[in-house]
């Protein structure tokens, strides 16, 4: 699937292929989603996602490449296996 992120995706859970929540979409700018990682986001996943910027409180956000998205639903962004 080719992801088309919009501001409506802000606040959606990001889940891995097992349905486990690994983060939350914090911001969408120019069609790019930035995810705040949750405790379930492994170092393996972090290494594949691009750490793009820091937010004010020092938390890292990761950019989701649209090629990694399997499906966007009303409440979540489901990642493909990568």
Protein backbone atom coordinates (compact mmCIF):
# COMPACT_ATOMS: atom_id res chain seq x y z
CA UNK A 1 0.00 0.00 0.00
CA UNK A 2 1.12 3.52 -0.63
CA UNK A 3 0.37 5.53 2.51
CA UNK A 4 -1.21 8.93 2.13
CA UNK A 5 -0.91 10.48 5.57
CA UNK A 6 -3.10 13.42 6.53
CA UNK A 7 -3.64 15.36 9.74
CA UNK A 8 -6.57 12.99 10.38
CA UNK A 9 -3.97 10.30 11.13
CA UNK A 10 -2.54 12.23 14.09
CA UNK A 11 -3.20 10.33 17.31
CA UNK A 12 -3.58 6.94 15.63
CA UNK A 13 -1.81 3.94 17.08
CA UNK A 14 1.02 2.46 15.04
CA UNK A 15 0.99 -1.33 15.25
CA UNK A 16 3.40 -4.00 14.08
CA UNK A 17 2.43 -7.08 12.08
CA UNK A 18 1.41 -8.86 15.30
CA UNK A 19 -1.05 -6.08 16.18
CA UNK A 20 1.09 -4.83 19.05
CA UNK A 21 1.08 -1.03 19.50
CA UNK A 22 4.60 0.31 19.02
CA UNK A 23 3.91 4.03 18.92
CA UNK A 24 1.51 6.87 18.15
CA UNK A 25 1.40 9.26 15.20
CA UNK A 26 2.20 12.60 16.81
CA UNK A 27 2.36 14.81 13.77
CA UNK A 28 1.80 14.78 10.02
CA UNK A 29 3.51 17.35 7.84
CA UNK A 30 3.41 17.41 4.04
CA UNK A 31 2.20 13.80 3.93
CA UNK A 32 4.92 12.50 6.27
CA UNK A 33 3.95 10.86 9.57
CA UNK A 34 6.13 11.30 12.67
CA UNK A 35 5.74 8.65 15.37
CA UNK A 36 6.49 8.88 19.06
CA UNK A 37 7.80 5.42 19.97
CA UNK A 38 6.15 3.39 22.68
CA UNK A 39 7.82 0.86 24.98
CA UNK A 40 7.07 -1.94 22.51
CA UNK A 41 9.08 -0.33 19.69
CA UNK A 42 12.16 -2.50 19.45
CA UNK A 43 15.63 -1.33 18.49
CA UNK A 44 15.24 -3.40 15.33
CA UNK A 45 12.23 -1.37 14.24
CA UNK A 46 13.87 1.90 15.27
CA UNK A 47 16.89 1.07 13.12
CA UNK A 48 14.65 0.74 10.05
CA UNK A 49 12.67 3.90 10.66
CA UNK A 50 14.40 7.20 10.19
CA UNK A 51 14.90 9.25 13.33
CA UNK A 52 13.96 12.56 11.89
CA UNK A 53 13.70 15.10 14.65
CA UNK A 54 13.40 15.74 18.34
CA UNK A 55 10.39 17.31 19.98
CA UNK A 56 10.57 19.92 22.71
CA UNK A 57 10.68 17.51 25.66
CA UNK A 58 13.60 15.57 24.20
CA UNK A 59 11.59 12.57 22.99
CA UNK A 60 12.60 11.20 19.63
CA UNK A 61 10.15 10.95 16.78
CA UNK A 62 10.56 8.54 13.89
CA UNK A 63 9.44 9.06 10.32
CA UNK A 64 7.33 6.32 8.77
CA UNK A 65 8.26 5.56 5.19
CA UNK A 66 5.08 4.97 3.21
CA UNK A 67 6.58 1.74 1.85
CA UNK A 68 6.40 0.25 5.36
CA UNK A 69 2.64 0.75 5.73
CA UNK A 70 0.28 -2.13 5.10
CA UNK A 71 -2.98 -0.39 5.98
CA UNK A 72 -4.39 2.77 7.53
CA UNK A 73 -7.72 2.33 9.30
CA UNK A 74 -9.90 4.64 11.35
CA UNK A 75 -7.82 4.04 14.46
CA UNK A 76 -4.44 2.65 13.51
CA UNK A 77 -1.54 2.51 11.11
CA UNK A 78 -0.54 -1.10 10.54
CA UNK A 79 3.05 -1.68 9.41
CA UNK A 80 4.17 -4.37 6.98
CA UNK A 81 6.85 -6.84 7.91
CA UNK A 82 10.18 -5.23 7.01
